[in-house]
């Protein structure tokens, strides 16, 4: 196990054997990790084990922010620490969760960072940041928002019809905490797309959008491990499930109104670089996409 910290951004890497062994407090203490890190890792234990399994039991990379709830966990060597550690050098507003921190870093502190992928300046102008910080944050902007700040009043749709993975299908799962459903404890997550956080309209029971800039109850989901290589996403407010209508594919759509889990409510998490994942429908094998 290794621990490192840059400013307020911390990172823990674990091998599979360390994930499987559990009881990480002593190892973290030996690495001089502060108590908030140990607490965050302990709360995320179930989520960490799930991500390790999804990544083929090759270990995990865990990144969090001191003072923010939750963490971002990915299979080993696919994490977000390098980019987020540069965000620690940028002044950002107060954030409740690690997902909010990412949005604040992009939306408030790097308004005119040069987009290294395209050479274009981000359209939400303000303070320019040069050097490696600007490069890293420019890459984050390109990865999350395509250079554009989310606009909550616009209803960006979520559609499970894509055959391939691109920017619109790349999602950041930010573990928040835990929630007990029918006496079973599940990790809770927010899901950040390039258009904003997934939001179950009215807390569930109907439409789902990807236009939110802040994590609250409507942006929080139980991540349910189905034990068959799939997961389901349940709105914490109303308890309804994310559904790929028709099982995905051409002409399909997403809503968050199902009251029971069936095949249309099951998805595979596909690990991507930079700590992101794609959501692949079980039924048709197509990917969930955040539309503009």
Protein backbone atom coordinates (compact mmCIF):
# COMPACT_ATOMS: atom_id res chain seq x y z
CA UNK A 1 0.00 0.00 0.00
CA UNK A 2 1.26 3.49 -0.82
CA UNK A 3 -0.04 6.90 0.25
CA UNK A 4 0.76 10.31 -1.20
CA UNK A 5 -0.71 13.78 -0.82
CA UNK A 6 -0.41 17.04 -2.75
CA UNK A 7 -1.98 19.95 -0.93
CA UNK A 8 -5.44 18.67 -0.06
CA UNK A 9 -5.52 15.93 -2.73
CA UNK A 10 -4.65 12.48 -1.41
CA UNK A 11 -4.10 9.16 -3.12
CA UNK A 12 -3.89 5.56 -1.92
CA UNK A 13 -2.89 2.65 -4.13
CA UNK A 14 -3.56 -0.94 -3.11
CA UNK A 15 -2.68 -4.30 -4.60
CA UNK A 16 -5.44 -6.89 -4.85
CA UNK A 17 -4.11 -8.83 -1.87
CA UNK A 18 -4.29 -5.65 0.24
CA UNK A 19 -7.85 -4.96 -0.90
CA UNK A 20 -8.85 -8.53 -0.05
CA UNK A 21 -7.18 -8.43 3.37
CA UNK A 22 -9.11 -5.35 4.57
CA UNK A 23 -8.30 -3.79 7.95
CA UNK A 24 -6.35 -0.97 6.35
CA UNK A 25 -6.08 1.39 9.34
CA UNK A 26 -2.69 0.09 10.51
CA UNK A 27 -1.19 0.20 7.01
CA UNK A 28 -2.46 3.74 6.45
CA UNK A 29 -1.05 4.81 9.82
CA UNK A 30 2.31 3.35 8.81
CA UNK A 31 2.15 5.48 5.67
CA UNK A 32 1.42 8.59 7.83
CA UNK A 33 -2.00 9.07 6.26
CA UNK A 34 -4.12 11.58 8.24
CA UNK A 35 -7.24 10.36 10.01
CA UNK A 36 -9.74 11.79 7.45
CA UNK A 37 -8.15 9.57 4.81
CA UNK A 38 -8.49 6.46 6.98
CA UNK A 39 -12.15 7.29 7.65
CA UNK A 40 -12.88 7.86 3.94
CA UNK A 41 -11.19 4.59 2.96
CA UNK A 42 -13.10 2.67 5.63
CA UNK A 43 -16.46 4.04 4.45
CA UNK A 44 -15.58 3.21 0.84
CA UNK A 45 -14.44 -0.38 1.59
CA UNK A 46 -17.35 -2.06 -0.21
CA UNK A 47 -16.98 0.21 -3.23
CA UNK A 48 -13.20 -0.34 -3.35
CA UNK A 49 -13.69 -4.12 -3.39
CA UNK A 50 -16.22 -3.80 -6.23
CA UNK A 51 -13.89 -1.68 -8.38
CA UNK A 52 -11.01 -4.08 -7.73
CA UNK A 53 -13.19 -6.93 -8.98
CA UNK A 54 -14.32 -4.97 -12.06
CA UNK A 55 -10.66 -4.27 -12.89
CA UNK A 56 -9.77 -7.96 -12.83
CA UNK A 57 -8.47 -8.07 -9.24
CA UNK A 58 -5.35 -6.09 -10.13
CA UNK A 59 -5.61 -3.52 -7.35
CA UNK A 60 -7.05 -0.03 -7.14
CA UNK A 61 -6.17 3.64 -7.23
CA UNK A 62 -8.15 5.78 -4.74
CA UNK A 63 -8.17 9.59 -4.77
CA UNK A 64 -9.93 12.02 -2.47
CA UNK A 65 -9.89 15.58 -1.17
CA UNK A 66 -9.31 16.50 2.47
CA UNK A 67 -12.51 18.11 3.74
CA UNK A 68 -14.70 16.60 0.99
CA UNK A 69 -16.92 13.58 1.34
CA UNK A 70 -16.11 10.46 -0.69
CA UNK A 71 -13.45 9.44 -3.18
CA UNK A 72 -12.83 8.46 -6.80
CA UNK A 73 -11.73 4.83 -7.16
CA UNK A 74 -10.48 3.14 -10.32
CA UNK A 75 -8.61 -0.02 -11.25
CA UNK A 76 -4.85 0.29 -10.75
CA UNK A 77 -2.99 2.71 -13.06
CA UNK A 78 -6.19 4.27 -14.41
CA UNK A 79 -6.69 6.92 -11.72
CA UNK A 80 -7.31 10.66 -11.63
CA UNK A 81 -4.70 11.62 -9.01
CA UNK A 82 -2.22 13.28 -11.37
CA UNK A 83 -4.83 15.67 -12.77
CA UNK A 84 -6.58 16.37 -9.47
CA UNK A 85 -3.29 17.05 -7.67
CA UNK A 86 -2.81 20.00 -10.01
CA UNK A 87 -6.31 21.19 -9.12
CA UNK A 88 -5.03 21.61 -5.55
CA UNK A 89 -2.93 24.50 -6.86
CA UNK A 90 -6.03 26.27 -8.15
CA UNK A 91 -8.27 28.31 -5.82
CA UNK A 92 -11.69 26.61 -5.71
CA UNK A 93 -14.80 27.24 -3.65
CA UNK A 94 -16.06 25.15 -0.76
CA UNK A 95 -17.08 21.66 -1.86
CA UNK A 96 -19.13 19.07 0.01
CA UNK A 97 -18.15 16.01 -2.05
CA UNK A 98 -15.20 15.08 -4.23
CA UNK A 99 -17.47 15.41 -7.26
CA UNK A 100 -18.35 18.98 -6.28
CA UNK A 101 -14.62 19.69 -5.91
CA UNK A 102 -13.99 18.56 -9.49
CA UNK A 103 -16.78 20.79 -10.81
CA UNK A 104 -15.57 23.76 -8.76
CA UNK A 105 -12.02 23.28 -10.00
CA UNK A 106 -13.25 23.31 -13.59
CA UNK A 107 -15.98 25.93 -13.29
CA UNK A 108 -14.48 28.51 -10.93
CA UNK A 109 -10.72 28.29 -10.93
CA UNK A 110 -9.70 27.63 -14.53
CA UNK A 111 -12.01 29.79 -16.63
CA UNK A 112 -9.55 30.44 -19.46
CA UNK A 113 -7.19 27.51 -19.26
CA UNK A 114 -5.83 26.68 -22.68
CA UNK A 115 -7.31 23.44 -23.93
CA UNK A 116 -4.17 21.43 -24.71
CA UNK A 117 -6.06 18.96 -26.86
CA UNK A 118 -7.42 21.55 -29.31
CA UNK A 119 -5.41 24.72 -28.72
CA UNK A 120 -8.64 26.61 -28.05
CA UNK A 121 -9.30 28.69 -24.96
CA UNK A 122 -12.26 27.63 -22.86
CA UNK A 123 -15.24 29.94 -23.57
CA UNK A 124 -15.96 30.69 -19.88
CA UNK A 125 -13.25 33.32 -19.57
CA UNK A 126 -11.43 34.50 -16.44
CA UNK A 127 -8.05 33.62 -14.95
CA UNK A 128 -5.54 31.95 -17.27
CA UNK A 129 -3.21 29.34 -15.81
CA UNK A 130 0.04 28.43 -17.56
CA UNK A 131 2.48 25.55 -17.36
CA UNK A 132 1.78 22.00 -16.18
CA UNK A 133 -1.18 23.10 -14.05
CA UNK A 134 -2.87 24.64 -17.07
CA UNK A 135 -2.08 21.61 -19.18
CA UNK A 136 -3.54 19.15 -16.67
CA UNK A 137 -6.64 21.23 -16.00
CA UNK A 138 -7.11 21.88 -19.70
CA UNK A 139 -7.14 18.14 -20.25
CA UNK A 140 -9.69 17.75 -17.45
CA UNK A 141 -11.93 20.38 -19.02
CA UNK A 142 -11.74 18.62 -22.35
CA UNK A 143 -12.54 15.32 -20.67
CA UNK A 144 -15.46 16.45 -18.54
CA UNK A 145 -17.20 19.41 -20.13
CA UNK A 146 -15.68 19.79 -23.59
CA UNK A 147 -14.71 23.35 -22.65
CA UNK A 148 -18.24 24.34 -21.68
CA UNK A 149 -19.75 24.89 -18.24
CA UNK A 150 -22.96 22.89 -17.62
CA UNK A 151 -26.21 24.87 -17.78
CA UNK A 152 -28.74 23.43 -15.28
CA UNK A 153 -31.81 24.89 -16.98
CA UNK A 154 -31.06 22.90 -20.14
CA UNK A 155 -32.27 19.32 -20.03
CA UNK A 156 -29.40 17.25 -21.37
CA UNK A 157 -30.71 13.76 -22.04
CA UNK A 158 -29.21 10.34 -21.27
CA UNK A 159 -29.55 7.73 -24.01
CA UNK A 160 -28.29 4.07 -23.93
CA UNK A 161 -27.82 3.67 -27.68
CA UNK A 162 -24.12 4.09 -28.47
CA UNK A 163 -22.07 1.29 -30.03
CA UNK A 164 -18.72 2.83 -29.10
CA UNK A 165 -17.18 4.77 -26.20
CA UNK A 166 -16.26 8.42 -26.65
CA UNK A 167 -16.38 11.59 -24.57
CA UNK A 168 -20.17 11.45 -24.18
CA UNK A 169 -19.98 7.90 -22.82
CA UNK A 170 -17.12 8.57 -20.34
CA UNK A 171 -18.39 8.98 -16.77
CA UNK A 172 -16.72 9.69 -13.42
CA UNK A 173 -18.23 7.77 -10.49
CA UNK A 174 -17.63 9.61 -7.22
CA UNK A 175 -18.27 7.46 -4.16
CA UNK A 176 -20.05 9.49 -1.46
CA UNK A 177 -20.97 7.21 1.43
CA UNK A 178 -23.23 4.28 2.26
CA UNK A 179 -26.96 3.65 2.39
CA UNK A 180 -28.95 0.73 3.81
CA UNK A 181 -31.72 -0.61 1.57
CA UNK A 182 -33.81 -3.51 2.91
CA UNK A 183 -31.11 -4.26 5.48
CA UNK A 184 -28.37 -4.39 2.84
CA UNK A 185 -25.69 -1.68 2.80
CA UNK A 186 -24.76 -0.25 -0.60
CA UNK A 187 -22.23 2.43 -1.57
CA UNK A 188 -23.72 5.71 -2.76
CA UNK A 189 -22.31 7.56 -5.77
CA UNK A 190 -22.70 10.62 -7.92
CA UNK A 191 -22.09 10.29 -11.66
CA UNK A 192 -20.34 13.12 -13.49
CA UNK A 193 -20.65 13.32 -17.27
CA UNK A 194 -19.20 15.88 -19.65
CA UNK A 195 -22.51 17.76 -19.36
CA UNK A 196 -22.83 17.63 -15.55
CA UNK A 197 -24.03 15.25 -12.85
CA UNK A 198 -26.76 12.70 -13.49
CA UNK A 199 -29.96 13.93 -11.80
CA UNK A 200 -33.11 11.90 -11.19
CA UNK A 201 -35.89 14.43 -11.80
CA UNK A 202 -37.97 14.90 -8.63
CA UNK A 203 -35.72 12.36 -6.92
CA UNK A 204 -36.85 9.49 -9.15
CA UNK A 205 -40.00 8.08 -10.68
CA UNK A 206 -39.51 9.58 -14.13
CA UNK A 207 -36.98 11.46 -16.23
CA UNK A 208 -33.23 11.51 -15.66
CA UNK A 209 -30.93 14.27 -16.92
CA UNK A 210 -27.19 15.00 -16.88
CA UNK A 211 -27.28 18.76 -16.31
CA UNK A 212 -26.59 19.32 -12.61
CA UNK A 213 -23.58 21.20 -11.22
CA UNK A 214 -24.00 20.20 -7.56
CA UNK A 215 -24.42 16.92 -5.69
CA UNK A 216 -27.58 16.74 -3.59
CA UNK A 217 -30.17 14.00 -3.00
CA UNK A 218 -31.41 13.95 -6.59
CA UNK A 219 -27.82 13.44 -7.81
CA UNK A 220 -27.12 10.56 -5.41
CA UNK A 221 -27.61 6.90 -6.32
CA UNK A 222 -27.19 3.56 -4.57
CA UNK A 223 -24.70 1.50 -6.54
CA UNK A 224 -26.00 -2.05 -6.26
CA UNK A 225 -23.66 -4.96 -6.97
CA UNK A 226 -25.89 -7.64 -8.50
CA UNK A 227 -23.31 -10.38 -8.02
CA UNK A 228 -23.39 -11.37 -11.70
CA UNK A 229 -20.87 -8.87 -13.08
CA UNK A 230 -23.47 -6.11 -13.34
CA UNK A 231 -24.56 -3.16 -11.25
CA UNK A 232 -27.81 -1.23 -10.91
CA UNK A 233 -28.31 2.42 -10.01
CA UNK A 234 -31.09 3.29 -7.58
CA UNK A 235 -32.14 6.87 -6.81
CA UNK A 236 -31.68 7.35 -3.05
CA UNK A 237 -34.65 9.70 -2.77
CA UNK A 238 -37.48 7.66 -4.32
CA UNK A 239 -35.81 4.25 -4.59
CA UNK A 240 -36.47 3.84 -8.31
CA UNK A 241 -33.92 2.39 -10.75
CA UNK A 242 -32.14 3.68 -13.82
CA UNK A 243 -33.63 1.87 -16.82
CA UNK A 244 -32.39 1.43 -20.37
CA UNK A 245 -35.73 1.32 -22.20
CA UNK A 246 -35.84 -1.58 -24.69
CA UNK A 247 -32.59 -2.76 -23.10
CA UNK A 248 -30.65 -0.11 -25.04
CA UNK A 249 -29.84 0.15 -28.73
CA UNK A 250 -31.34 2.36 -31.47
CA UNK A 251 -34.48 4.20 -30.42
CA UNK A 252 -33.97 3.56 -26.71
CA UNK A 253 -33.95 6.06 -23.87
CA UNK A 254 -33.26 6.21 -20.14
CA UNK A 255 -35.57 6.98 -17.27
CA UNK A 256 -35.42 6.46 -13.52
CA UNK A 257 -38.84 5.05 -12.68
CA UNK A 258 -38.54 1.27 -12.39
CA UNK A 259 -39.47 -0.15 -8.99
CA UNK A 260 -37.81 -3.56 -9.50
CA UNK A 261 -34.53 -4.70 -11.08
CA UNK A 262 -34.71 -6.68 -14.29
CA UNK A 263 -32.32 -6.92 -17.26
CA UNK A 264 -33.10 -3.38 -18.43
CA UNK A 265 -31.90 -2.08 -15.06
CA UNK A 266 -28.55 -3.92 -15.19
CA UNK A 267 -25.32 -2.44 -16.51
CA UNK A 268 -21.65 -3.37 -16.74
CA UNK A 269 -19.03 -0.87 -15.55
CA UNK A 270 -16.25 -0.63 -18.15
CA UNK A 271 -13.02 0.96 -16.77
CA UNK A 272 -11.47 3.80 -18.79
CA UNK A 273 -8.36 5.94 -18.40
CA UNK A 274 -8.41 8.88 -16.00
CA UNK A 275 -10.58 7.17 -13.39
CA UNK A 276 -13.66 7.12 -15.61
CA UNK A 277 -16.08 4.35 -16.56
CA UNK A 278 -18.58 3.60 -19.29
CA UNK A 279 -22.00 2.13 -18.51
CA UNK A 280 -22.78 -0.79 -20.82
CA UNK A 281 -26.31 -2.16 -20.99
CA UNK A 282 -26.61 -5.85 -20.16
CA UNK A 283 -29.36 -6.56 -22.68
CA UNK A 284 -28.11 -4.94 -25.92
CA UNK A 285 -24.46 -4.20 -25.05
CA UNK A 286 -24.73 -0.52 -25.98
CA UNK A 287 -23.36 2.36 -23.93
CA UNK A 288 -25.12 5.05 -21.91
CA UNK A 289 -24.44 8.45 -23.46
CA UNK A 290 -24.81 11.99 -22.08
CA UNK A 291 -26.35 13.93 -24.98
CA UNK A 292 -26.16 17.64 -25.71
